[in-house]
Amino acid sequence: MKVAMKQEEILVLNKKTREGSKGQIFTLDVLVAILGITILLGITVQYQTTIKDQTSEISYREMNTLASDASQIAVKRIINEENTANKLKVGWETELTDFLDRITGEKYDYQVRGSTNIGNCGNKEQATSKRIVNNEGDPETLSITICPN
């Protein structure tokens, strides 16, 4: 049993369904694709943030190690005269700046504070190490700061 519809009846049915319904803007396939792209973008941004944080932490640790080692070497070998713990060498500033130039290279800058102020790190991220230096019984604090160049 075939149901035969006239052409006019079909047009009336199509017109009625179009009038009462709103059009679908996105199909389900497009929504799933957008969801996947959004997840991938979120993962990428999170990964880049993690890498940046790790790089910053490594850089700070490197600067901290350099500052600590430099101040220890400076006090033990450069500033104090041999066999005299309480007397500063003459011209120790030049020897210290030469040493710091060698160990910091092009990557880092340095600043020395004490009786003599050398260099300037300004407001950059920095790591500082302080040592007490005795000059004929007068204690003095020597601070060496390492910062990115």
Foldseek 3Di string as FASTA:
>chain_A
DDDDDDPVVVVVVVVVVVVPDDDDDDDPVVVVVVVVVVVVVVVVVVVVVVVVVVVVVVVAVVQQVVQAVLVVCLQPPQFDDPPGQAAGDPPSVVVSVVVVCVVCPQFKWKWKDKPDTDGDPDPADKHKDWDWGHHPNDTIIIMMIIGTD
